[in-house]
């Protein structure tokens, strides 16, 4: 029998956690302390997963059912809701990934100290002020071209190539790390 708000308000904690089902795979988990949270169990690629949707009463019964409906649609489209949630969490900024990449190049002896300093200086002067704070997975081709425009207008083509080259390596590095970036070189 589907849950109602009246029934939810009447739930009391017990010695063991409770799982009180609603419908379509949605249930409320009641801890021994009385905290209630909306959950849904599902199978994806043969593995059982549990997804917590939110806490009751902050998330109402109606909101939980809507969220559960969205999860059902994702599952029908062969999308893992848990993986989708993980990917949508805040991603590092362009500056953070660039600094990590450049430091790794220096530590791995792929770059000399001089190459590191020059590349870092170029990034700080040209790209970090414009796109440095943006999450790397949200930087579009348009954003990148706009960031490069002042440098290109100066007519220093060698510097443009070097900055673009390091930026391409940063975006490749982000993709290798699993941070899906729309810019792939």
N, C-alpha and C. Protein backbone atom coordinates (compact mmCIF):
# COMPACT_ATOMS: atom_id res chain seq x y z
N UNK A 1 0.85 -1.19 0.00
CA UNK A 1 0.00 0.00 0.00
C UNK A 1 0.89 1.25 0.00
N UNK A 2 0.66 2.19 -0.92
CA UNK A 2 1.48 3.40 -0.98
C UNK A 2 1.41 4.21 0.32
N UNK A 3 2.50 4.91 0.59
CA UNK A 3 2.57 5.74 1.80
C UNK A 3 1.70 6.99 1.66
N UNK A 4 1.35 7.54 2.82
CA UNK A 4 0.64 8.83 2.89
C UNK A 4 1.39 9.70 3.89
N UNK A 5 1.14 11.01 3.85
CA UNK A 5 1.78 11.89 4.82
C UNK A 5 1.38 11.53 6.24
N UNK A 6 0.13 11.16 6.44
CA UNK A 6 -0.34 10.78 7.78
C UNK A 6 0.42 9.56 8.29
N UNK A 7 0.57 8.58 7.42
CA UNK A 7 1.29 7.36 7.81
C UNK A 7 2.76 7.67 8.10
N UNK A 8 3.38 8.54 7.29
CA UNK A 8 4.79 8.91 7.51
C UNK A 8 4.98 9.59 8.87
N UNK A 9 4.07 10.48 9.23
CA UNK A 9 4.18 11.20 10.50
C UNK A 9 3.99 10.28 11.70
N UNK A 10 3.31 9.17 11.49
CA UNK A 10 3.05 8.23 12.59
C UNK A 10 4.17 7.20 12.79
N UNK A 11 5.14 7.18 11.93
CA UNK A 11 6.22 6.19 12.03
C UNK A 11 7.09 6.49 13.24
N UNK A 12 7.33 5.47 14.04
CA UNK A 12 8.17 5.58 15.24
C UNK A 12 9.42 4.72 15.04
N UNK A 13 10.57 5.16 15.57
CA UNK A 13 11.79 4.35 15.44
C UNK A 13 11.69 3.07 16.25
N UNK A 14 12.43 2.05 15.80
CA UNK A 14 12.47 0.77 16.50
C UNK A 14 13.92 0.43 16.80
N UNK A 15 14.14 -0.76 17.38
CA UNK A 15 15.49 -1.20 17.74
C UNK A 15 16.38 -1.41 16.52
N UNK A 16 15.78 -1.74 15.39
CA UNK A 16 16.51 -1.97 14.16
C UNK A 16 16.01 -0.99 13.09
N UNK A 17 16.88 -0.64 12.12
CA UNK A 17 16.42 0.24 11.04
C UNK A 17 15.25 -0.39 10.29
N UNK A 18 14.35 0.46 9.82
CA UNK A 18 13.16 -0.01 9.10
C UNK A 18 13.22 0.42 7.64
N UNK A 19 12.59 -0.37 6.81
CA UNK A 19 12.45 -0.06 5.38
C UNK A 19 10.96 -0.14 5.08
N UNK A 20 10.34 1.03 4.90
CA UNK A 20 8.89 1.09 4.69
C UNK A 20 8.66 1.50 3.23
N UNK A 21 8.09 0.57 2.46
CA UNK A 21 7.96 0.78 1.03
C UNK A 21 6.79 1.69 0.67
N UNK A 22 6.98 2.40 -0.43
CA UNK A 22 5.92 3.24 -0.99
C UNK A 22 5.43 2.54 -2.26
N UNK A 23 5.93 2.93 -3.41
CA UNK A 23 5.60 2.28 -4.68
C UNK A 23 6.71 2.55 -5.68
N UNK A 24 6.76 1.76 -6.75
CA UNK A 24 7.75 1.90 -7.82
C UNK A 24 9.18 1.87 -7.30
N UNK A 25 9.44 1.06 -6.27
CA UNK A 25 10.80 0.91 -5.76
C UNK A 25 11.22 1.94 -4.73
N UNK A 26 10.40 2.92 -4.47
CA UNK A 26 10.71 3.97 -3.49
C UNK A 26 10.37 3.48 -2.08
N UNK A 27 11.23 3.82 -1.14
CA UNK A 27 10.92 3.50 0.24
C UNK A 27 11.55 4.54 1.16
N UNK A 28 11.05 4.55 2.40
CA UNK A 28 11.62 5.43 3.40
C UNK A 28 12.41 4.56 4.37
N UNK A 29 13.65 4.97 4.62
CA UNK A 29 14.51 4.26 5.55
C UNK A 29 14.40 5.00 6.89
N UNK A 30 14.06 4.28 7.94
CA UNK A 30 13.92 4.87 9.26
C UNK A 30 15.04 4.33 10.14
N UNK A 31 15.90 5.22 10.61
CA UNK A 31 17.01 4.78 11.46
C UNK A 31 16.51 4.53 12.88
N UNK A 32 17.37 3.96 13.70
CA UNK A 32 16.99 3.68 15.09
C UNK A 32 16.81 4.96 15.89
N UNK A 33 17.36 6.07 15.40
CA UNK A 33 17.20 7.37 16.08
C UNK A 33 15.98 8.13 15.59
N UNK A 34 15.30 7.60 14.57
CA UNK A 34 14.09 8.23 14.06
C UNK A 34 14.30 9.08 12.81
N UNK A 35 15.53 9.21 12.34
CA UNK A 35 15.76 9.97 11.11
C UNK A 35 15.23 9.18 9.92
N UNK A 36 14.55 9.88 9.01
CA UNK A 36 13.97 9.21 7.86
C UNK A 36 14.56 9.77 6.57
N UNK A 37 14.88 8.87 5.65
CA UNK A 37 15.40 9.31 4.36
C UNK A 37 14.78 8.47 3.25
N UNK A 38 14.57 9.13 2.11
CA UNK A 38 14.02 8.47 0.94
C UNK A 38 15.14 7.73 0.22
N UNK A 39 14.86 6.48 -0.13
CA UNK A 39 15.85 5.68 -0.84
C UNK A 39 15.20 4.88 -1.95
N UNK A 40 16.05 4.42 -2.83
CA UNK A 40 15.60 3.54 -3.91
C UNK A 40 16.71 2.54 -4.21
N UNK A 41 16.36 1.28 -4.28
CA UNK A 41 17.30 0.23 -4.67
C UNK A 41 17.07 -0.06 -6.15
N UNK A 42 18.15 -0.37 -6.84
CA UNK A 42 18.05 -0.72 -8.25
C UNK A 42 19.25 -1.57 -8.63
N UNK A 43 19.16 -2.21 -9.78
CA UNK A 43 20.27 -3.00 -10.31
C UNK A 43 20.76 -2.32 -11.57
N UNK A 44 22.11 -2.22 -11.67
CA UNK A 44 22.70 -1.67 -12.87
C UNK A 44 23.95 -2.47 -13.18
N UNK A 45 24.03 -2.97 -14.39
CA UNK A 45 25.13 -3.85 -14.80
C UNK A 45 25.32 -5.01 -13.83
N UNK A 46 24.22 -5.55 -13.35
CA UNK A 46 24.27 -6.71 -12.48
C UNK A 46 24.60 -6.42 -11.03
N UNK A 47 24.81 -5.15 -10.69
CA UNK A 47 25.14 -4.80 -9.31
C UNK A 47 23.96 -4.10 -8.65
N UNK A 48 23.70 -4.47 -7.41
CA UNK A 48 22.66 -3.82 -6.64
C UNK A 48 23.20 -2.49 -6.12
N UNK A 49 22.41 -1.44 -6.28
CA UNK A 49 22.79 -0.10 -5.83
C UNK A 49 21.67 0.47 -4.97
N UNK A 50 22.03 1.33 -4.03
CA UNK A 50 21.06 2.06 -3.25
C UNK A 50 21.35 3.54 -3.42
N UNK A 51 20.31 4.29 -3.73
CA UNK A 51 20.45 5.72 -3.94
C UNK A 51 19.59 6.44 -2.91
N UNK A 52 20.19 7.35 -2.14
CA UNK A 52 19.44 8.16 -1.20
C UNK A 52 18.99 9.43 -1.92
N UNK A 53 17.69 9.68 -1.88
CA UNK A 53 17.12 10.81 -2.61
C UNK A 53 17.06 12.08 -1.77
N UNK A 54 16.85 11.94 -0.47
CA UNK A 54 16.75 13.09 0.41
C UNK A 54 16.17 12.68 1.75
N UNK A 55 16.13 13.64 2.66
CA UNK A 55 15.62 13.36 4.00
C UNK A 55 14.16 13.81 4.12
N UNK A 56 13.38 13.01 4.83
CA UNK A 56 12.01 13.38 5.16
C UNK A 56 12.04 14.07 6.50
N UNK A 57 11.38 15.18 6.72
CA UNK A 57 10.35 15.85 5.93
C UNK A 57 10.87 16.96 5.01
N UNK A 58 12.21 17.15 4.93
CA UNK A 58 12.74 18.19 4.05
C UNK A 58 12.29 17.93 2.62
N UNK A 59 12.38 16.67 2.19
CA UNK A 59 11.85 16.27 0.88
C UNK A 59 10.51 15.59 1.13
N UNK A 60 9.45 16.18 0.60
CA UNK A 60 8.11 15.65 0.82
C UNK A 60 7.90 14.35 0.06
N UNK A 61 6.82 13.68 0.37
CA UNK A 61 6.45 12.44 -0.32
C UNK A 61 6.27 12.71 -1.81
N UNK A 62 5.63 13.80 -2.15
CA UNK A 62 5.40 14.15 -3.55
C UNK A 62 6.73 14.39 -4.27
N UNK A 63 7.64 15.13 -3.65
CA UNK A 63 8.96 15.40 -4.26
C UNK A 63 9.75 14.11 -4.44
N UNK A 64 9.68 13.23 -3.45
CA UNK A 64 10.40 11.95 -3.52
C UNK A 64 9.87 11.10 -4.67
N UNK A 65 8.56 11.11 -4.88
CA UNK A 65 7.97 10.34 -5.98
C UNK A 65 8.40 10.91 -7.33
N UNK A 66 8.46 12.24 -7.43
CA UNK A 66 8.90 12.87 -8.68
C UNK A 66 10.35 12.49 -8.96
N UNK A 67 11.20 12.59 -7.94
CA UNK A 67 12.62 12.24 -8.08
C UNK A 67 12.76 10.76 -8.46
N UNK A 68 11.96 9.90 -7.85
CA UNK A 68 11.98 8.47 -8.16
C UNK A 68 11.57 8.24 -9.61
N UNK A 69 10.60 8.99 -10.09
CA UNK A 69 10.18 8.89 -11.49
C UNK A 69 11.31 9.25 -12.44
N UNK A 70 12.10 10.28 -12.09
CA UNK A 70 13.26 10.67 -12.90
C UNK A 70 14.29 9.55 -12.94
N UNK A 71 14.48 8.88 -11.81
CA UNK A 71 15.43 7.77 -11.74
C UNK A 71 14.96 6.60 -12.60
N UNK A 72 13.68 6.33 -12.59
CA UNK A 72 13.13 5.25 -13.42
C UNK A 72 13.39 5.54 -14.90
N UNK A 73 13.19 6.80 -15.31
CA UNK A 73 13.45 7.19 -16.70
C UNK A 73 14.93 6.99 -17.03
N UNK A 74 15.82 7.40 -16.12
CA UNK A 74 17.26 7.22 -16.35
C UNK A 74 17.60 5.74 -16.52
N UNK A 75 17.03 4.90 -15.68
CA UNK A 75 17.30 3.47 -15.76
C UNK A 75 16.80 2.88 -17.08
N UNK A 76 15.64 3.34 -17.55
CA UNK A 76 15.12 2.87 -18.83
C UNK A 76 16.01 3.31 -19.99
N UNK A 77 16.74 4.40 -19.81
CA UNK A 77 17.66 4.89 -20.84
C UNK A 77 19.07 4.30 -20.64
N UNK A 78 19.19 3.33 -19.74
CA UNK A 78 20.47 2.68 -19.41
C UNK A 78 21.50 3.66 -18.87
N UNK A 79 21.04 4.60 -18.05
CA UNK A 79 21.90 5.56 -17.38
C UNK A 79 21.93 5.21 -15.90
N UNK A 80 23.12 5.07 -15.34
CA UNK A 80 23.26 4.77 -13.92
C UNK A 80 23.05 6.07 -13.12
N UNK A 81 21.96 6.18 -12.36
CA UNK A 81 21.67 7.42 -11.63
C UNK A 81 22.76 7.81 -10.63
N UNK A 82 23.38 6.82 -10.01
CA UNK A 82 24.43 7.10 -9.03
C UNK A 82 25.67 7.68 -9.72
N UNK A 83 26.05 7.09 -10.84
CA UNK A 83 27.20 7.59 -11.60
C UNK A 83 26.91 8.99 -12.14
N UNK A 84 25.69 9.21 -12.59
CA UNK A 84 25.30 10.53 -13.09
C UNK A 84 25.40 11.57 -11.98
N UNK A 85 24.99 11.22 -10.78
CA UNK A 85 25.08 12.13 -9.64
C UNK A 85 26.53 12.45 -9.33
N UNK A 86 27.40 11.44 -9.37
CA UNK A 86 28.82 11.66 -9.09
C UNK A 86 29.45 12.60 -10.11
N UNK A 87 29.09 12.40 -11.39
CA UNK A 87 29.65 13.24 -12.45
C UNK A 87 29.18 14.68 -12.35
N UNK A 88 27.98 14.88 -11.81
CA UNK A 88 27.44 16.23 -11.76
C UNK A 88 27.94 17.02 -10.55
N UNK A 89 28.67 16.38 -9.67
CA UNK A 89 29.23 17.11 -8.53
C UNK A 89 30.25 18.13 -9.03
N UNK A 90 30.53 19.09 -8.20
CA UNK A 90 31.44 20.16 -8.59
C UNK A 90 32.76 19.62 -9.10
N UNK A 91 33.16 20.12 -10.23
CA UNK A 91 34.41 19.72 -10.85
C UNK A 91 35.46 20.78 -10.57
N UNK A 92 36.73 20.40 -10.63
CA UNK A 92 37.80 21.37 -10.37
C UNK A 92 37.85 22.45 -11.46
N UNK A 93 38.40 23.58 -11.09
CA UNK A 93 38.51 24.69 -12.03
C UNK A 93 39.63 24.42 -13.04
N UNK A 94 39.61 25.19 -14.11
CA UNK A 94 40.67 25.08 -15.11
C UNK A 94 42.03 25.32 -14.46
N UNK A 95 42.09 26.33 -13.60
CA UNK A 95 43.36 26.67 -12.94
C UNK A 95 43.86 25.50 -12.09
N UNK A 96 42.98 24.87 -11.33
CA UNK A 96 43.38 23.75 -10.48
C UNK A 96 43.94 22.59 -11.31
N UNK A 97 43.25 22.26 -12.39
CA UNK A 97 43.71 21.15 -13.23
C UNK A 97 45.02 21.52 -13.93
N UNK A 98 45.11 22.77 -14.40
CA UNK A 98 46.33 23.22 -15.09
C UNK A 98 47.53 23.17 -14.15
N UNK A 99 47.34 23.66 -12.93
CA UNK A 99 48.45 23.64 -11.96
C UNK A 99 48.85 22.21 -11.61
N UNK A 100 47.86 21.35 -11.43
CA UNK A 100 48.16 19.94 -11.14
C UNK A 100 48.93 19.31 -12.30
N UNK A 101 48.48 19.58 -13.52
CA UNK A 101 49.15 19.03 -14.71
C UNK A 101 50.59 19.54 -14.81
N UNK A 102 50.78 20.84 -14.66
CA UNK A 102 52.13 21.40 -14.81
C UNK A 102 53.06 20.90 -13.72
N UNK A 103 52.56 20.79 -12.49
CA UNK A 103 53.39 20.25 -11.41
C UNK A 103 53.75 18.80 -11.66
N UNK A 104 52.81 18.05 -12.21
CA UNK A 104 53.08 16.64 -12.52
C UNK A 104 54.15 16.54 -13.61
N UNK A 105 54.09 17.42 -14.59
CA UNK A 105 55.10 17.42 -15.65
C UNK A 105 56.49 17.71 -15.07
N UNK A 106 56.55 18.64 -14.12
CA UNK A 106 57.83 19.00 -13.50
C UNK A 106 58.34 17.85 -12.63
N UNK A 107 57.48 17.30 -11.78
CA UNK A 107 57.88 16.20 -10.90
C UNK A 107 58.29 14.96 -11.68
N UNK A 108 57.60 14.72 -12.80
CA UNK A 108 57.89 13.54 -13.62
C UNK A 108 59.07 13.74 -14.54
N UNK A 109 59.72 14.88 -14.39
CA UNK A 109 60.91 15.21 -15.19
C UNK A 109 60.61 15.27 -16.69
N UNK A 110 59.36 15.53 -17.04
CA UNK A 110 59.01 15.69 -18.45
C UNK A 110 59.25 17.12 -18.89
N UNK A 111 59.22 18.04 -17.92
CA UNK A 111 59.51 19.44 -18.18
C UNK A 111 60.71 19.85 -17.34
N UNK A 112 61.49 20.79 -17.86
CA UNK A 112 62.57 21.37 -17.06
C UNK A 112 61.97 22.46 -16.18
N UNK A 113 62.74 22.92 -15.22
CA UNK A 113 62.30 24.01 -14.35
C UNK A 113 61.96 25.25 -15.19
N UNK A 114 62.78 25.52 -16.22
CA UNK A 114 62.54 26.68 -17.08
C UNK A 114 61.25 26.58 -17.86
N UNK A 115 60.96 25.40 -18.42
CA UNK A 115 59.71 25.18 -19.16
C UNK A 115 58.52 25.36 -18.23
N UNK A 116 58.64 24.81 -17.02
CA UNK A 116 57.57 24.93 -16.03
C UNK A 116 57.30 26.41 -15.72
N UNK A 117 58.35 27.17 -15.42
CA UNK A 117 58.19 28.58 -15.06
C UNK A 117 57.56 29.38 -16.19
N UNK A 118 58.05 29.18 -17.42
CA UNK A 118 57.51 29.93 -18.56
C UNK A 118 56.05 29.56 -18.83
N UNK A 119 55.74 28.27 -18.78
CA UNK A 119 54.36 27.83 -19.02
C UNK A 119 53.43 28.36 -17.94
N UNK A 120 53.87 28.28 -16.70
CA UNK A 120 53.07 28.77 -15.58
C UNK A 120 52.84 30.28 -15.72
N UNK A 121 53.87 31.00 -16.09
CA UNK A 121 53.78 32.45 -16.26
C UNK A 121 52.79 32.80 -17.39
N UNK A 122 52.87 32.09 -18.50
CA UNK A 122 51.96 32.33 -19.63
C UNK A 122 50.52 32.05 -19.25
N UNK A 123 50.30 30.97 -18.52
CA UNK A 123 48.94 30.62 -18.10
C UNK A 123 48.39 31.68 -17.14
N UNK A 124 49.22 32.10 -16.19
CA UNK A 124 48.80 33.12 -15.22
C UNK A 124 48.48 34.45 -15.91
N UNK A 125 49.25 34.78 -16.92
CA UNK A 125 49.07 36.07 -17.60
C UNK A 125 47.91 36.05 -18.60
N UNK A 126 47.64 34.89 -19.21
CA UNK A 126 46.70 34.88 -20.33
C UNK A 126 45.39 34.12 -20.10
N UNK A 127 45.44 32.95 -19.51
CA UNK A 127 44.22 32.16 -19.38
C UNK A 127 43.59 32.19 -17.98
N UNK A 128 44.41 32.14 -16.94
CA UNK A 128 43.85 32.09 -15.58
C UNK A 128 42.94 33.28 -15.27
N UNK A 129 43.29 34.51 -15.68
CA UNK A 129 42.39 35.63 -15.37
C UNK A 129 41.01 35.52 -16.05
N UNK A 130 40.95 34.82 -17.18
CA UNK A 130 39.70 34.75 -17.94
C UNK A 130 38.90 33.49 -17.64
N UNK A 131 39.54 32.32 -17.70
CA UNK A 131 38.81 31.06 -17.51
C UNK A 131 39.33 30.24 -16.33
N UNK A 132 40.25 30.80 -15.55
CA UNK A 132 40.88 30.05 -14.46
C UNK A 132 39.93 29.54 -13.41
N UNK A 133 38.89 30.32 -13.08
CA UNK A 133 37.96 29.91 -12.01
C UNK A 133 36.82 29.03 -12.50
N UNK A 134 36.62 28.95 -13.80
CA UNK A 134 35.52 28.15 -14.34
C UNK A 134 35.79 26.67 -14.14
N UNK A 135 34.73 25.89 -13.78
CA UNK A 135 34.92 24.44 -13.74
C UNK A 135 35.36 23.97 -15.13
N UNK A 136 36.37 23.15 -15.18
CA UNK A 136 36.96 22.76 -16.46
C UNK A 136 35.96 22.06 -17.36
N UNK A 137 35.01 21.34 -16.78
CA UNK A 137 34.04 20.62 -17.60
C UNK A 137 32.97 21.54 -18.19
N UNK A 138 32.98 22.82 -17.83
CA UNK A 138 31.98 23.76 -18.35
C UNK A 138 32.57 24.74 -19.35
N UNK A 139 33.86 24.66 -19.61
CA UNK A 139 34.50 25.59 -20.54
C UNK A 139 34.18 25.15 -21.96
N UNK A 140 33.58 26.05 -22.72
CA UNK A 140 33.21 25.76 -24.10
C UNK A 140 34.31 26.25 -25.05
N UNK A 141 34.21 25.85 -26.29
CA UNK A 141 35.15 26.33 -27.31
C UNK A 141 35.09 27.85 -27.39
N UNK A 142 33.88 28.39 -27.32
CA UNK A 142 33.70 29.86 -27.36
C UNK A 142 34.45 30.52 -26.20
N UNK A 143 34.31 29.97 -24.98
CA UNK A 143 35.01 30.53 -23.81
C UNK A 143 36.52 30.54 -24.05
N UNK A 144 37.02 29.43 -24.55
CA UNK A 144 38.46 29.31 -24.76
C UNK A 144 38.95 30.30 -25.82
N UNK A 145 38.21 30.40 -26.92
CA UNK A 145 38.60 31.33 -27.99
C UNK A 145 38.56 32.78 -27.50
N UNK A 146 37.57 33.10 -26.67
CA UNK A 146 37.48 34.46 -26.10
C UNK A 146 38.68 34.73 -25.18
N UNK A 147 39.09 33.73 -24.44
CA UNK A 147 40.25 33.89 -23.56
C UNK A 147 41.54 34.08 -24.36
N UNK A 148 41.62 33.46 -25.53
CA UNK A 148 42.81 33.55 -26.38
C UNK A 148 42.83 34.82 -27.24
N UNK A 149 41.67 35.45 -27.43
CA UNK A 149 41.56 36.59 -28.34
C UNK A 149 42.54 37.73 -28.04
N UNK A 150 42.67 38.20 -26.78
CA UNK A 150 43.61 39.30 -26.51
C UNK A 150 45.05 38.95 -26.89
N UNK A 151 45.43 37.72 -26.65
CA UNK A 151 46.78 37.28 -26.97
C UNK A 151 46.98 37.26 -28.49
N UNK A 152 45.97 36.77 -29.21
CA UNK A 152 46.06 36.72 -30.66
C UNK A 152 46.11 38.13 -31.26
N UNK A 153 45.38 39.07 -30.64
CA UNK A 153 45.36 40.45 -31.14
C UNK A 153 46.71 41.15 -30.96
N UNK A 154 47.50 40.68 -30.00
CA UNK A 154 48.84 41.25 -29.80
C UNK A 154 49.78 40.85 -30.93
N UNK A 155 49.42 39.77 -31.64
CA UNK A 155 50.23 39.34 -32.77
C UNK A 155 51.45 38.53 -32.39
N UNK A 156 51.45 37.93 -31.21
CA UNK A 156 52.59 37.11 -30.78
C UNK A 156 52.25 35.63 -31.04
N UNK A 157 52.41 35.23 -32.29
CA UNK A 157 51.95 33.90 -32.69
C UNK A 157 52.69 32.76 -31.98
N UNK A 158 53.96 32.96 -31.67
CA UNK A 158 54.70 31.90 -30.97
C UNK A 158 54.11 31.67 -29.58
N UNK A 159 53.78 32.75 -28.89
CA UNK A 159 53.18 32.63 -27.55
C UNK A 159 51.79 32.02 -27.65
N UNK A 160 51.03 32.41 -28.66
CA UNK A 160 49.69 31.84 -28.87
C UNK A 160 49.78 30.33 -29.02
N UNK A 161 50.72 29.86 -29.84
CA UNK A 161 50.89 28.42 -30.04
C UNK A 161 51.27 27.72 -28.74
N UNK A 162 52.15 28.33 -27.98
CA UNK A 162 52.61 27.70 -26.73
C UNK A 162 51.49 27.64 -25.69
N UNK A 163 50.75 28.73 -25.55
CA UNK A 163 49.63 28.74 -24.59
C UNK A 163 48.56 27.74 -25.02
N UNK A 164 48.24 27.76 -26.31
CA UNK A 164 47.24 26.83 -26.83
C UNK A 164 47.71 25.38 -26.64
N UNK A 165 49.00 25.14 -26.84
CA UNK A 165 49.55 23.79 -26.68
C UNK A 165 49.45 23.29 -25.25
N UNK A 166 49.80 24.14 -24.28
CA UNK A 166 49.70 23.74 -22.88
C UNK A 166 48.23 23.55 -22.50
N UNK A 167 47.37 24.45 -22.97
CA UNK A 167 45.94 24.33 -22.67
C UNK A 167 45.39 23.02 -23.21
N UNK A 168 45.81 22.65 -24.42
CA UNK A 168 45.35 21.38 -25.01
C UNK A 168 45.78 20.20 -24.14
N UNK A 169 47.00 20.26 -23.64
CA UNK A 169 47.49 19.19 -22.76
C UNK A 169 46.69 19.16 -21.45
N UNK A 170 46.31 20.33 -20.94
CA UNK A 170 45.51 20.39 -19.71
C UNK A 170 44.14 19.75 -19.94
N UNK A 171 43.49 20.09 -21.06
CA UNK A 171 42.18 19.49 -21.35
C UNK A 171 42.30 17.98 -21.57
N UNK A 172 43.35 17.54 -22.24
CA UNK A 172 43.58 16.10 -22.41
C UNK A 172 43.79 15.43 -21.06
N UNK A 173 44.56 16.05 -20.19
CA UNK A 173 44.83 15.53 -18.86
C UNK A 173 43.52 15.40 -18.07
N UNK A 174 42.66 16.42 -18.19
CA UNK A 174 41.37 16.38 -17.49
C UNK A 174 40.54 15.20 -17.99
N UNK A 175 40.52 14.99 -19.29
CA UNK A 175 39.75 13.87 -19.84
C UNK A 175 40.32 12.53 -19.39
N UNK A 176 41.64 12.41 -19.32
CA UNK A 176 42.27 11.18 -18.85
C UNK A 176 41.91 10.91 -17.39
N UNK A 177 41.81 12.00 -16.59
CA UNK A 177 41.45 11.85 -15.18
C UNK A 177 39.97 11.54 -14.98
N UNK A 178 39.19 11.57 -16.06
CA UNK A 178 37.76 11.29 -15.94
C UNK A 178 36.91 12.52 -15.75
N UNK A 179 37.52 13.68 -15.88
CA UNK A 179 36.76 14.93 -15.79
C UNK A 179 36.36 15.27 -17.22
N UNK A 180 35.11 14.97 -17.56
CA UNK A 180 34.70 15.13 -18.94
C UNK A 180 34.69 16.61 -19.32
N UNK A 181 35.56 16.95 -20.21
CA UNK A 181 35.68 18.31 -20.70
C UNK A 181 35.14 18.38 -22.12
N UNK A 182 34.36 19.41 -22.44
CA UNK A 182 33.85 19.51 -23.80
C UNK A 182 34.93 19.79 -24.83
N UNK A 183 36.08 20.29 -24.39
CA UNK A 183 37.17 20.59 -25.31
C UNK A 183 38.12 19.42 -25.38
N UNK A 184 38.22 18.81 -26.55
CA UNK A 184 39.13 17.70 -26.76
C UNK A 184 39.99 18.04 -27.96
N UNK A 185 41.28 17.99 -27.77
CA UNK A 185 42.21 18.30 -28.85
C UNK A 185 42.72 17.04 -29.47
